[in-house]
Amino acid sequence: MTLEWKEDQPIYRQLRDKVAAQIIKGSIKEGEPLPSVRNVAVDLQINPLTASRAYQELVDEHLVEKKRGLGMYVLKGARSKLLTLEKKKFLEEEWPEIQARVQALGLDVKDLIKNLKKK
């Protein structure tokens, strides 16, 4: 796992989002263990407390569970829950900005669909 850190968001939050994205994509499947806090900290050259805080957010969101002495595991239903949360976030936060940009550029639905078909 490699990351380039953004300045506008805490590192623990960016790590949480990266793990969540891997769960959504299926890179980390439900029932599988997450890499250990120690390994993540070493691999990403971050403080172990930062990695631990990122994982704790996932636990608090009921996406991951701690198994004493074994590590942290992705809970069943985590992917579905994350998809629902991410769709809501996109529609409420990102889509209005995209929509405003499309309107400002004078694009319409036909232009967008035509461009989609090119790719």
PDB file of N, CA and C in Angstrom:
ATOM      1  N   MET A   1       0.861  -1.178   0.000  1.00  0.00           N
ATOM      2  CA  MET A   1       0.000   0.000   0.000  1.00  0.00           C
ATOM      3  C   MET A   1       0.900   1.232   0.000  1.00  0.00           C
ATOM      4  N   THR A   2       0.755   2.075  -0.994  1.00  0.00           N
ATOM      5  CA  THR A   2       1.516   3.317  -1.040  1.00  0.00           C
ATOM      6  C   THR A   2       0.543   4.472  -1.142  1.00  0.00           C
ATOM      7  N   LEU A   3       0.905   5.547  -0.495  1.00  0.00           N
ATOM      8  CA  LEU A   3       0.050   6.729  -0.499  1.00  0.00           C
ATOM      9  C   LEU A   3       0.888   7.980  -0.628  1.00  0.00           C
ATOM     10  N   GLU A   4       0.321   8.956  -1.297  1.00  0.00           N
ATOM     11  CA  GLU A   4       0.884  10.299  -1.276  1.00  0.00           C
ATOM     12  C   GLU A   4      -0.076  11.107  -0.423  1.00  0.00           C
ATOM     13  N   TRP A   5       0.426  11.719   0.606  1.00  0.00           N
ATOM     14  CA  TRP A   5      -0.428  12.416   1.562  1.00  0.00           C
ATOM     15  C   TRP A   5      -0.813  13.797   1.064  1.00  0.00           C
ATOM     16  N   LYS A   6      -2.073  14.131   1.241  1.00  0.00           N
ATOM     17  CA  LYS A   6      -2.584  15.455   0.907  1.00  0.00           C
ATOM     18  C   LYS A   6      -2.438  16.344   2.136  1.00  0.00           C
ATOM     19  N   GLU A   7      -2.231  17.604   1.901  1.00  0.00           N
ATOM     20  CA  GLU A   7      -2.031  18.553   3.003  1.00  0.00           C
ATOM     21  C   GLU A   7      -3.331  18.980   3.676  1.00  0.00           C
ATOM     22  N   ASP A   8      -4.456  18.820   2.969  1.00  0.00           N
ATOM     23  CA  ASP A   8      -5.719  19.370   3.470  1.00  0.00           C
ATOM     24  C   ASP A   8      -6.522  18.407   4.341  1.00  0.00           C
ATOM     25  N   GLN A   9      -5.967  17.239   4.650  1.00  0.00           N
ATOM     26  CA  GLN A   9      -6.699  16.241   5.418  1.00  0.00           C
ATOM     27  C   GLN A   9      -5.720  15.470   6.305  1.00  0.00           C
ATOM     28  N   PRO A  10      -6.124  15.130   7.540  1.00  0.00           N
ATOM     29  CA  PRO A  10      -5.226  14.370   8.422  1.00  0.00           C
ATOM     30  C   PRO A  10      -4.831  13.029   7.796  1.00  0.00           C
ATOM     31  N   ILE A  11      -3.622  12.588   8.078  1.00  0.00           N
ATOM     32  CA  ILE A  11      -3.110  11.337   7.514  1.00  0.00           C
ATOM     33  C   ILE A  11      -3.969  10.153   7.945  1.00  0.00           C
ATOM     34  N   TYR A  12      -4.409  10.114   9.210  1.00  0.00           N
ATOM     35  CA  TYR A  12      -5.210   8.981   9.653  1.00  0.00           C
ATOM     36  C   TYR A  12      -6.503   8.879   8.850  1.00  0.00           C
ATOM     37  N   ARG A  13      -7.071  10.020   8.489  1.00  0.00           N
ATOM     38  CA  ARG A  13      -8.313  10.014   7.713  1.00  0.00           C
ATOM     39  C   ARG A  13      -8.060   9.520   6.279  1.00  0.00           C
ATOM     40  N   GLN A  14      -6.941   9.939   5.710  1.00  0.00           N
ATOM     41  CA  GLN A  14      -6.585   9.488   4.369  1.00  0.00           C
ATOM     42  C   GLN A  14      -6.328   7.976   4.344  1.00  0.00           C
ATOM     43  N   LEU A  15      -5.687   7.473   5.393  1.00  0.00           N
ATOM     44  CA  LEU A  15      -5.447   6.036   5.489  1.00  0.00           C
ATOM     45  C   LEU A  15      -6.766   5.291   5.645  1.00  0.00           C
ATOM     46  N   ARG A  16      -7.657   5.806   6.470  1.00  0.00           N
ATOM     47  CA  ARG A  16      -8.985   5.204   6.642  1.00  0.00           C
ATOM     48  C   ARG A  16      -9.701   5.118   5.295  1.00  0.00           C
ATOM     49  N   ASP A  17      -9.643   6.219   4.533  1.00  0.00           N
ATOM     50  CA  ASP A  17     -10.301   6.261   3.224  1.00  0.00           C
ATOM     51  C   ASP A  17      -9.665   5.277   2.244  1.00  0.00           C
ATOM     52  N   LYS A  18      -8.353   5.110   2.307  1.00  0.00           N
ATOM     53  CA  LYS A  18      -7.649   4.180   1.429  1.00  0.00           C
ATOM     54  C   LYS A  18      -8.071   2.737   1.730  1.00  0.00           C
ATOM     55  N   VAL A  19      -8.143   2.390   3.004  1.00  0.00           N
ATOM     56  CA  VAL A  19      -8.572   1.046   3.384  1.00  0.00           C
ATOM     57  C   VAL A  19     -10.023   0.832   2.954  1.00  0.00           C
ATOM     58  N   ALA A  20     -10.877   1.841   3.173  1.00  0.00           N
ATOM     59  CA  ALA A  20     -12.282   1.745   2.763  1.00  0.00           C
ATOM     60  C   ALA A  20     -12.384   1.529   1.258  1.00  0.00           C
ATOM     61  N   ALA A  21     -11.578   2.230   0.482  1.00  0.00           N
ATOM     62  CA  ALA A  21     -11.589   2.075  -0.976  1.00  0.00           C
ATOM     63  C   ALA A  21     -11.164   0.660  -1.372  1.00  0.00           C
ATOM     64  N   GLN A  22     -10.207   0.096  -0.658  1.00  0.00           N
ATOM     65  CA  GLN A  22      -9.760  -1.271  -0.950  1.00  0.00           C
ATOM     66  C   GLN A  22     -10.860  -2.287  -0.629  1.00  0.00           C
ATOM     67  N   ILE A  23     -11.640  -2.010   0.396  1.00  0.00           N
ATOM     68  CA  ILE A  23     -12.772  -2.891   0.725  1.00  0.00           C
ATOM     69  C   ILE A  23     -13.824  -2.787  -0.372  1.00  0.00           C
ATOM     70  N   ILE A  24     -14.125  -1.585  -0.820  1.00  0.00           N
ATOM     71  CA  ILE A  24     -15.112  -1.390  -1.891  1.00  0.00           C
ATOM     72  C   ILE A  24     -14.672  -2.104  -3.163  1.00  0.00           C
ATOM     73  N   LYS A  25     -13.396  -1.962  -3.531  1.00  0.00           N
ATOM     74  CA  LYS A  25     -12.872  -2.574  -4.762  1.00  0.00           C
ATOM     75  C   LYS A  25     -12.739  -4.091  -4.650  1.00  0.00           C
ATOM     76  N   GLY A  26     -12.747  -4.594  -3.425  1.00  0.00           N
ATOM     77  CA  GLY A  26     -12.586  -6.034  -3.226  1.00  0.00           C
ATOM     78  C   GLY A  26     -11.142  -6.464  -3.053  1.00  0.00           C
ATOM     79  N   SER A  27     -10.228  -5.509  -2.971  1.00  0.00           N
ATOM     80  CA  SER A  27      -8.822  -5.847  -2.715  1.00  0.00           C
ATOM     81  C   SER A  27      -8.667  -6.461  -1.326  1.00  0.00           C
ATOM     82  N   ILE A  28      -9.468  -5.967  -0.391  1.00  0.00           N
ATOM     83  CA  ILE A  28      -9.562  -6.560   0.940  1.00  0.00           C
ATOM     84  C   ILE A  28     -11.001  -7.040   1.059  1.00  0.00           C
ATOM     85  N   LYS A  29     -11.173  -8.332   1.202  1.00  0.00           N
ATOM     86  CA  LYS A  29     -12.514  -8.915   1.214  1.00  0.00           C
ATOM     87  C   LYS A  29     -13.062  -9.043   2.632  1.00  0.00           C
ATOM     88  N   GLU A  30     -14.390  -9.132   2.709  1.00  0.00           N
ATOM     89  CA  GLU A  30     -15.040  -9.335   3.996  1.00  0.00           C
ATOM     90  C   GLU A  30     -14.523 -10.628   4.611  1.00  0.00           C
ATOM     91  N   GLY A  31     -14.229 -10.581   5.900  1.00  0.00           N
ATOM     92  CA  GLY A  31     -13.699 -11.742   6.608  1.00  0.00           C
ATOM     93  C   GLY A  31     -12.186 -11.813   6.612  1.00  0.00           C
ATOM     94  N   GLU A  32     -11.536 -11.024   5.766  1.00  0.00           N
ATOM     95  CA  GLU A  32     -10.075 -11.030   5.700  1.00  0.00           C
ATOM     96  C   GLU A  32      -9.479 -10.086   6.739  1.00  0.00           C
ATOM     97  N   PRO A  33      -8.254 -10.379   7.151  1.00  0.00           N
ATOM     98  CA  PRO A  33      -7.588  -9.483   8.101  1.00  0.00           C
ATOM     99  C   PRO A  33      -7.011  -8.258   7.397  1.00  0.00           C
ATOM    100  N   LEU A  34      -6.956  -7.168   8.129  1.00  0.00           N
ATOM    101  CA  LEU A  34      -6.237  -5.990   7.648  1.00  0.00           C
ATOM    102  C   LEU A  34      -4.757  -6.187   7.958  1.00  0.00           C
ATOM    103  N   PRO A  35      -3.890  -5.533   7.206  1.00  0.00           N
ATOM    104  CA  PRO A  35      -2.465  -5.575   7.578  1.00  0.00           C
ATOM    105  C   PRO A  35      -2.312  -5.017   8.998  1.00  0.00           C
ATOM    106  N   SER A  36      -1.346  -5.509   9.728  1.00  0.00           N
ATOM    107  CA  SER A  36      -1.168  -5.056  11.114  1.00  0.00           C
ATOM    108  C   SER A  36      -0.826  -3.569  11.161  1.00  0.00           C
ATOM    109  N   VAL A  37      -1.179  -2.954  12.264  1.00  0.00           N
ATOM    110  CA  VAL A  37      -0.872  -1.536  12.477  1.00  0.00           C
ATOM    111  C   VAL A  37       0.631  -1.316  12.327  1.00  0.00           C
ATOM    112  N   ARG A  38       1.400  -2.207  12.907  1.00  0.00           N
ATOM    113  CA  ARG A  38       2.865  -2.076  12.858  1.00  0.00           C
ATOM    114  C   ARG A  38       3.365  -2.136  11.414  1.00  0.00           C
ATOM    115  N   ASN A  39       2.867  -3.097  10.634  1.00  0.00           N
ATOM    116  CA  ASN A  39       3.303  -3.208   9.236  1.00  0.00           C
ATOM    117  C   ASN A  39       2.902  -1.990   8.414  1.00  0.00           C
ATOM    118  N   VAL A  40       1.674  -1.506   8.611  1.00  0.00           N
ATOM    119  CA  VAL A  40       1.208  -0.319   7.886  1.00  0.00           C
ATOM    120  C   VAL A  40       2.082   0.881   8.236  1.00  0.00           C
ATOM    121  N   ALA A  41       2.372   1.038   9.520  1.00  0.00           N
ATOM    122  CA  ALA A  41       3.196   2.167   9.962  1.00  0.00           C
ATOM    123  C   ALA A  41       4.593   2.124   9.325  1.00  0.00           C
ATOM    124  N   VAL A  42       5.172   0.948   9.293  1.00  0.00           N
ATOM    125  CA  VAL A  42       6.513   0.803   8.703  1.00  0.00           C
ATOM    126  C   VAL A  42       6.446   1.027   7.196  1.00  0.00           C
ATOM    127  N   ASP A  43       5.489   0.376   6.531  1.00  0.00           N
ATOM    128  CA  ASP A  43       5.380   0.490   5.067  1.00  0.00           C
ATOM    129  C   ASP A  43       5.135   1.921   4.614  1.00  0.00           C
ATOM    130  N   LEU A  44       4.297   2.645   5.347  1.00  0.00           N
ATOM    131  CA  LEU A  44       3.934   4.003   4.942  1.00  0.00           C
ATOM    132  C   LEU A  44       4.776   5.079   5.638  1.00  0.00           C
ATOM    133  N   GLN A  45       5.665   4.636   6.497  1.00  0.00           N
ATOM    134  CA  GLN A  45       6.526   5.542   7.252  1.00  0.00           C
ATOM    135  C   GLN A  45       5.711   6.575   8.012  1.00  0.00           C
ATOM    136  N   ILE A  46       4.735   6.066   8.782  1.00  0.00           N
ATOM    137  CA  ILE A  46       3.915   6.918   9.626  1.00  0.00           C
ATOM    138  C   ILE A  46       3.987   6.404  11.060  1.00  0.00           C
ATOM    139  N   ASN A  47       3.551   7.219  11.973  1.00  0.00           N
ATOM    140  CA  ASN A  47       3.511   6.852  13.373  1.00  0.00           C
ATOM    141  C   ASN A  47       2.490   5.727  13.568  1.00  0.00           C
ATOM    142  N   PRO A  48       2.817   4.684  14.341  1.00  0.00           N
ATOM    143  CA  PRO A  48       1.848   3.618  14.598  1.00  0.00           C
ATOM    144  C   PRO A  48       0.533   4.125  15.207  1.00  0.00           C
ATOM    145  N   LEU A  49       0.598   5.195  15.973  1.00  0.00           N
ATOM    146  CA  LEU A  49      -0.631   5.761  16.545  1.00  0.00           C
ATOM    147  C   LEU A  49      -1.548   6.317  15.455  1.00  0.00           C
ATOM    148  N   THR A  50      -0.956   6.827  14.395  1.00  0.00           N
ATOM    149  CA  THR A  50      -1.736   7.330  13.254  1.00  0.00           C
ATOM    150  C   THR A  50      -2.451   6.170  12.568  1.00  0.00           C
ATOM    151  N   ALA A  51      -1.730   5.086  12.330  1.00  0.00           N
ATOM    152  CA  ALA A  51      -2.337   3.899  11.711  1.00  0.00           C
ATOM    153  C   ALA A  51      -3.423   3.327  12.615  1.00  0.00           C
ATOM    154  N   SER A  52      -3.149   3.284  13.897  1.00  0.00           N
ATOM    155  CA  SER A  52      -4.123   2.766  14.859  1.00  0.00           C
ATOM    156  C   SER A  52      -5.391   3.614  14.878  1.00  0.00           C
ATOM    157  N   ARG A  53      -5.229   4.915  14.784  1.00  0.00           N
ATOM    158  CA  ARG A  53      -6.401   5.807  14.772  1.00  0.00           C
ATOM    159  C   ARG A  53      -7.250   5.588  13.517  1.00  0.00           C
ATOM    160  N   ALA A  54      -6.601   5.370  12.390  1.00  0.00           N
ATOM    161  CA  ALA A  54      -7.328   5.092  11.141  1.00  0.00           C
ATOM    162  C   ALA A  54      -8.139   3.811  11.287  1.00  0.00           C
ATOM    163  N   TYR A  55      -7.517   2.774  11.817  1.00  0.00           N
ATOM    164  CA  TYR A  55      -8.204   1.503  12.017  1.00  0.00           C
ATOM    165  C   TYR A  55      -9.344   1.647  13.024  1.00  0.00           C
ATOM    166  N   GLN A  56      -9.119   2.440  14.066  1.00  0.00           N
ATOM    167  CA  GLN A  56     -10.158   2.629  15.072  1.00  0.00           C
ATOM    168  C   GLN A  56     -11.398   3.295  14.483  1.00  0.00           C
ATOM    169  N   GLU A  57     -11.197   4.186  13.529  1.00  0.00           N
ATOM    170  CA  GLU A  57     -12.352   4.797  12.850  1.00  0.00           C
ATOM    171  C   GLU A  57     -13.178   3.729  12.135  1.00  0.00           C
ATOM    172  N   LEU A  58     -12.502   2.780  11.504  1.00  0.00           N
ATOM    173  CA  LEU A  58     -13.200   1.696  10.810  1.00  0.00           C
ATOM    174  C   LEU A  58     -13.946   0.807  11.804  1.00  0.00           C
ATOM    175  N   VAL A  59     -13.362   0.602  12.969  1.00  0.00           N
ATOM    176  CA  VAL A  59     -14.033  -0.159  14.032  1.00  0.00           C
ATOM    177  C   VAL A  59     -15.259   0.607  14.516  1.00  0.00           C
ATOM    178  N   ASP A  60     -15.095   1.903  14.750  1.00  0.00           N
ATOM    179  CA  ASP A  60     -16.204   2.742  15.227  1.00  0.00           C
ATOM    180  C   ASP A  60     -17.362   2.787  14.231  1.00  0.00           C
ATOM    181  N   GLU A  61     -17.040   2.643  12.954  1.00  0.00           N
ATOM    182  CA  GLU A  61     -18.060   2.658  11.903  1.00  0.00           C
ATOM    183  C   GLU A  61     -18.657   1.267  11.662  1.00  0.00           C
ATOM    184  N   HIS A  62     -18.237   0.297  12.463  1.00  0.00           N
ATOM    185  CA  HIS A  62     -18.728  -1.087  12.370  1.00  0.00           C
ATOM    186  C   HIS A  62     -18.430  -1.706  11.002  1.00  0.00           C
ATOM    187  N   LEU A  63     -17.245  -1.404  10.491  1.00  0.00           N
ATOM    188  CA  LEU A  63     -16.783  -1.975   9.227  1.00  0.00           C
ATOM    189  C   LEU A  63     -15.720  -3.045   9.474  1.00  0.00           C
ATOM    190  N   VAL A  64     -15.059  -2.914  10.609  1.00  0.00           N
ATOM    191  CA  VAL A  64     -13.951  -3.795  10.980  1.00  0.00           C
ATOM    192  C   VAL A  64     -14.134  -4.178  12.439  1.00  0.00           C
ATOM    193  N   GLU A  65     -13.685  -5.389  12.787  1.00  0.00           N
ATOM    194  CA  GLU A  65     -13.737  -5.795  14.196  1.00  0.00           C
ATOM    195  C   GLU A  65     -12.350  -6.207  14.666  1.00  0.00           C
ATOM    196  N   LYS A  66     -12.103  -5.946  15.949  1.00  0.00           N
ATOM    197  CA  LYS A  66     -10.852  -6.373  16.562  1.00  0.00           C
ATOM    198  C   LYS A  66     -11.063  -7.779  17.101  1.00  0.00           C
ATOM    199  N   LYS A  67     -10.131  -8.662  16.770  1.00  0.00           N
ATOM    200  CA  LYS A  67     -10.132 -10.001  17.352  1.00  0.00           C
ATOM    201  C   LYS A  67      -8.884 -10.091  18.216  1.00  0.00           C
ATOM    202  N   ARG A  68      -9.127 -10.122  19.501  1.00  0.00           N
ATOM    203  CA  ARG A  68      -8.030 -10.071  20.461  1.00  0.00           C
ATOM    204  C   ARG A  68      -6.944 -11.105  20.141  1.00  0.00           C
ATOM    205  N   GLY A  69      -5.740 -10.610  20.011  1.00  0.00           N
ATOM    206  CA  GLY A  69      -4.601 -11.469  19.741  1.00  0.00           C
ATOM    207  C   GLY A  69      -4.464 -11.891  18.285  1.00  0.00           C
ATOM    208  N   LEU A  70      -5.454 -11.560  17.458  1.00  0.00           N
ATOM    209  CA  LEU A  70      -5.416 -11.984  16.050  1.00  0.00           C
ATOM    210  C   LEU A  70      -5.322 -10.828  15.071  1.00  0.00           C
ATOM    211  N   GLY A  71      -5.796  -9.657  15.464  1.00  0.00           N
ATOM    212  CA  GLY A  71      -5.765  -8.501  14.578  1.00  0.00           C
ATOM    213  C   GLY A  71      -7.150  -7.982  14.274  1.00  0.00           C
ATOM    214  N   MET A  72      -7.252  -7.268  13.172  1.00  0.00           N
ATOM    215  CA  MET A  72      -8.516  -6.661  12.771  1.00  0.00           C
ATOM    216  C   MET A  72      -9.003  -7.308  11.480  1.00  0.00           C
ATOM    217  N   TYR A  73     -10.313  -7.550  11.443  1.00  0.00           N
ATOM    218  CA  TYR A  73     -10.921  -8.237  10.313  1.00  0.00           C
ATOM    219  C   TYR A  73     -12.097  -7.432   9.761  1.00  0.00           C
ATOM    220  N   VAL A  74     -12.257  -7.473   8.451  1.00  0.00           N
ATOM    221  CA  VAL A  74     -13.362  -6.778   7.792  1.00  0.00           C
ATOM    222  C   VAL A  74     -14.650  -7.548   8.084  1.00  0.00           C
ATOM    223  N   LEU A  75     -15.649  -6.820   8.546  1.00  0.00           N
ATOM    224  CA  LEU A  75     -16.930  -7.432   8.886  1.00  0.00           C
ATOM    225  C   LEU A  75     -17.760  -7.749   7.649  1.00  0.00           C
ATOM    226  N   LYS A  76     -18.593  -8.764   7.775  1.00  0.00           N
ATOM    227  CA  LYS A  76     -19.536  -9.094   6.713  1.00  0.00           C
ATOM    228  C   LYS A  76     -20.490  -7.913   6.544  1.00  0.00           C
ATOM    229  N   GLY A  77     -20.749  -7.520   5.312  1.00  0.00           N
ATOM    230  CA  GLY A  77     -21.625  -6.388   5.016  1.00  0.00           C
ATOM    231  C   GLY A  77     -20.909  -5.050   4.940  1.00  0.00           C
ATOM    232  N   ALA A  78     -19.591  -5.045   5.215  1.00  0.00           N
ATOM    233  CA  ALA A  78     -18.825  -3.791   5.204  1.00  0.00           C
ATOM    234  C   ALA A  78     -18.807  -3.154   3.818  1.00  0.00           C
ATOM    235  N   ARG A  79     -18.622  -3.962   2.785  1.00  0.00           N
ATOM    236  CA  ARG A  79     -18.568  -3.424   1.415  1.00  0.00           C
ATOM    237  C   ARG A  79     -19.879  -2.746   1.049  1.00  0.00           C
ATOM    238  N   SER A  80     -20.977  -3.406   1.326  1.00  0.00           N
ATOM    239  CA  SER A  80     -22.291  -2.847   1.017  1.00  0.00           C
ATOM    240  C   SER A  80     -22.536  -1.551   1.787  1.00  0.00           C
ATOM    241  N   LYS A  81     -22.157  -1.549   3.048  1.00  0.00           N
ATOM    242  CA  LYS A  81     -22.327  -0.354   3.873  1.00  0.00           C
ATOM    243  C   LYS A  81     -21.479   0.800   3.329  1.00  0.00           C
ATOM    244  N   LEU A  82     -20.240   0.495   2.954  1.00  0.00           N
ATOM    245  CA  LEU A  82     -19.363   1.527   2.402  1.00  0.00           C
ATOM    246  C   LEU A  82     -19.887   2.066   1.080  1.00  0.00           C
ATOM    247  N   LEU A  83     -20.399   1.187   0.221  1.00  0.00           N
ATOM    248  CA  LEU A  83     -20.965   1.639  -1.052  1.00  0.00           C
ATOM    249  C   LEU A  83     -22.118   2.607  -0.809  1.00  0.00           C
ATOM    250  N   THR A  84     -22.980   2.281   0.124  1.00  0.00           N
ATOM    251  CA  THR A  84     -24.107   3.156   0.450  1.00  0.00           C
ATOM    252  C   THR A  84     -23.615   4.511   0.951  1.00  0.00           C
ATOM    253  N   LEU A  85     -22.642   4.491   1.858  1.00  0.00           N
ATOM    254  CA  LEU A  85     -22.092   5.742   2.403  1.00  0.00           C
ATOM    255  C   LEU A  85     -21.407   6.579   1.329  1.00  0.00           C
ATOM    256  N   GLU A  86     -20.634   5.926   0.465  1.00  0.00           N
ATOM    257  CA  GLU A  86     -19.906   6.650  -0.577  1.00  0.00           C
ATOM    258  C   GLU A  86     -20.843   7.230  -1.639  1.00  0.00           C
ATOM    259  N   LYS A  87     -21.890   6.494  -1.985  1.00  0.00           N
ATOM    260  CA  LYS A  87     -22.872   7.023  -2.940  1.00  0.00           C
ATOM    261  C   LYS A  87     -23.544   8.262  -2.374  1.00  0.00           C
ATOM    262  N   LYS A  88     -23.931   8.193  -1.102  1.00  0.00           N
ATOM    263  CA  LYS A  88     -24.583   9.334  -0.446  1.00  0.00           C
ATOM    264  C   LYS A  88     -23.645  10.541  -0.416  1.00  0.00           C
ATOM    265  N   LYS A  89     -22.390  10.291  -0.040  1.00  0.00           N
ATOM    266  CA  LYS A  89     -21.397  11.365   0.013  1.00  0.00           C
ATOM    267  C   LYS A  89     -21.209  11.995  -1.373  1.00  0.00           C
ATOM    268  N   PHE A  90     -21.105  11.153  -2.402  1.00  0.00           N
ATOM    269  CA  PHE A  90     -20.931  11.655  -3.761  1.00  0.00           C
ATOM    270  C   PHE A  90     -22.107  12.532  -4.171  1.00  0.00           C
ATOM    271  N   LEU A  91     -23.324  12.036  -3.969  1.00  0.00           N
ATOM    272  CA  LEU A  91     -24.510  12.782  -4.396  1.00  0.00           C
ATOM    273  C   LEU A  91     -24.705  14.076  -3.621  1.00  0.00           C
ATOM    274  N   GLU A  92     -24.329  14.085  -2.347  1.00  0.00           N
ATOM    275  CA  GLU A  92     -24.540  15.277  -1.518  1.00  0.00           C
ATOM    276  C   GLU A  92     -23.394  16.281  -1.579  1.00  0.00           C
ATOM    277  N   GLU A  93     -22.170  15.801  -1.758  1.00  0.00           N
ATOM    278  CA  GLU A  93     -21.015  16.695  -1.689  1.00  0.00           C
ATOM    279  C   GLU A  93     -20.335  16.937  -3.033  1.00  0.00           C
ATOM    280  N   GLU A  94     -20.077  15.879  -3.781  1.00  0.00           N
ATOM    281  CA  GLU A  94     -19.295  16.016  -5.006  1.00  0.00           C
ATOM    282  C   GLU A  94     -20.152  16.354  -6.225  1.00  0.00           C
ATOM    283  N   TRP A  95     -21.294  15.703  -6.351  1.00  0.00           N
ATOM    284  CA  TRP A  95     -22.133  15.891  -7.524  1.00  0.00           C
ATOM    285  C   TRP A  95     -22.572  17.347  -7.718  1.00  0.00           C
ATOM    286  N   PRO A  96     -22.999  18.061  -6.675  1.00  0.00           N
ATOM    287  CA  PRO A  96     -23.385  19.459  -6.893  1.00  0.00           C
ATOM    288  C   PRO A  96     -22.260  20.307  -7.493  1.00  0.00           C
ATOM    289  N   GLU A  97     -21.024  20.038  -7.084  1.00  0.00           N
ATOM    290  CA  GLU A  97     -19.886  20.771  -7.649  1.00  0.00           C
ATOM    291  C   GLU A  97     -19.676  20.412  -9.120  1.00  0.00           C
ATOM    292  N   ILE A  98     -19.793  19.140  -9.431  1.00  0.00           N
ATOM    293  CA  ILE A  98     -19.647  18.684 -10.821  1.00  0.00           C
ATOM    294  C   ILE A  98     -20.753  19.294 -11.676  1.00  0.00           C
ATOM    295  N   GLN A  99     -21.953  19.237 -11.159  1.00  0.00           N
ATOM    296  CA  GLN A  99     -23.107  19.779 -11.879  1.00  0.00           C
ATOM    297  C   GLN A  99     -22.921  21.268 -12.162  1.00  0.00           C
ATOM    298  N   ALA A 100     -22.446  22.013 -11.175  1.00  0.00           N
ATOM    299  CA  ALA A 100     -22.218  23.447 -11.359  1.00  0.00           C
ATOM    300  C   ALA A 100     -21.140  23.687 -12.420  1.00  0.00           C
ATOM    301  N   ARG A 101     -20.116  22.872 -12.422  1.00  0.00           N
ATOM    302  CA  ARG A 101     -19.038  23.012 -13.407  1.00  0.00           C
ATOM    303  C   ARG A 101     -19.540  22.702 -14.817  1.00  0.00           C
ATOM    304  N   VAL A 102     -20.352  21.662 -14.938  1.00  0.00           N
ATOM    305  CA  VAL A 102     -20.936  21.292 -16.238  1.00  0.00           C
ATOM    306  C   VAL A 102     -21.784  22.447 -16.773  1.00  0.00           C
ATOM    307  N   GLN A 103     -22.601  23.016 -15.914  1.00  0.00           N
ATOM    308  CA  GLN A 103     -23.454  24.139 -16.322  1.00  0.00           C
ATOM    309  C   GLN A 103     -22.623  25.358 -16.704  1.00  0.00           C
ATOM    310  N   ALA A 104     -21.571  25.632 -15.923  1.00  0.00           N
ATOM    311  CA  ALA A 104     -20.719  26.786 -16.206  1.00  0.00           C
ATOM    312  C   ALA A 104     -20.021  26.652 -17.558  1.00  0.00           C
ATOM    313  N   LEU A 105     -19.735  25.424 -17.947  1.00  0.00           N
ATOM    314  CA  LEU A 105     -19.078  25.177 -19.230  1.00  0.00           C
ATOM    315  C   LEU A 105     -20.060  25.086 -20.393  1.00  0.00           C
ATOM    316  N   GLY A 106     -21.331  25.116 -20.073  1.00  0.00           N
ATOM    317  CA  GLY A 106     -22.346  25.057 -21.116  1.00  0.00           C
ATOM    318  C   GLY A 106     -22.511  23.683 -21.740  1.00  0.00           C
ATOM    319  N   LEU A 107     -22.131  22.654 -21.012  1.00  0.00           N
ATOM    320  CA  LEU A 107     -22.286  21.285 -21.504  1.00  0.00           C
ATOM    321  C   LEU A 107     -23.700  20.798 -21.215  1.00  0.00           C
ATOM    322  N   ASP A 108     -24.143  19.835 -22.011  1.00  0.00           N
ATOM    323  CA  ASP A 108     -25.434  19.221 -21.708  1.00  0.00           C
ATOM    324  C   ASP A 108     -25.257  17.704 -21.634  1.00  0.00           C
ATOM    325  N   VAL A 109     -26.310  17.008 -21.323  1.00  0.00           N
ATOM    326  CA  VAL A 109     -26.267  15.562 -21.139  1.00  0.00           C
ATOM    327  C   VAL A 109     -25.748  14.854 -22.389  1.00  0.00           C
ATOM    328  N   LYS A 110     -26.156  15.317 -23.563  1.00  0.00           N
ATOM    329  CA  LYS A 110     -25.707  14.685 -24.817  1.00  0.00           C
ATOM    330  C   LYS A 110     -24.188  14.761 -24.954  1.00  0.00           C
ATOM    331  N   ASP A 111     -23.614  15.923 -24.605  1.00  0.00           N
ATOM    332  CA  ASP A 111     -22.158  16.078 -24.671  1.00  0.00           C
ATOM    333  C   ASP A 111     -21.462  15.078 -23.744  1.00  0.00           C
ATOM    334  N   LEU A 112     -22.000  14.942 -22.559  1.00  0.00           N
ATOM    335  CA  LEU A 112     -21.389  14.048 -21.566  1.00  0.00           C
ATOM    336  C   LEU A 112     -21.487  12.590 -21.992  1.00  0.00           C
ATOM    337  N   ILE A 113     -22.641  12.182 -22.481  1.00  0.00           N
ATOM    338  CA  ILE A 113     -22.834  10.803 -22.920  1.00  0.00           C
ATOM    339  C   ILE A 113     -21.953  10.496 -24.121  1.00  0.00           C
ATOM    340  N   LYS A 114     -21.866  11.445 -25.046  1.00  0.00           N
ATOM    341  CA  LYS A 114     -21.016  11.252 -26.225  1.00  0.00           C
ATOM    342  C   LYS A 114     -19.568  11.047 -25.790  1.00  0.00           C
ATOM    343  N   ASN A 115     -19.124  11.802 -24.821  1.00  0.00           N
ATOM    344  CA  ASN A 115     -17.758  11.680 -24.332  1.00  0.00           C
ATOM    345  C   ASN A 115     -17.549  10.347 -23.621  1.00  0.00           C
ATOM    346  N   LEU A 116     -18.536   9.856 -22.922  1.00  0.00           N
ATOM    347  CA  LEU A 116     -18.433   8.557 -22.247  1.00  0.00           C
ATOM    348  C   LEU A 116     -18.221   7.435 -23.241  1.00  0.00           C
ATOM    349  N   LYS A 117     -18.907   7.496 -24.360  1.00  0.00           N
ATOM    350  CA  LYS A 117     -18.823   6.442 -25.361  1.00  0.00           C
ATOM    351  C   LYS A 117     -17.462   6.377 -26.023  1.00  0.00           C
ATOM    352  N   LYS A 118     -16.702   7.483 -25.986  1.00  0.00           N
ATOM    353  CA  LYS A 118     -15.376   7.515 -26.587  1.00  0.00           C
ATOM    354  C   LYS A 118     -14.380   6.680 -25.796  1.00  0.00           C
ATOM    355  N   LYS A 119     -14.635   6.480 -24.542  1.00  0.00           N
ATOM    356  CA  LYS A 119     -13.651   5.825 -23.675  1.00  0.00           C
ATOM    357  C   LYS A 119     -13.908   4.369 -23.511  1.00  0.00           C
TER     358      LYS A 119
END
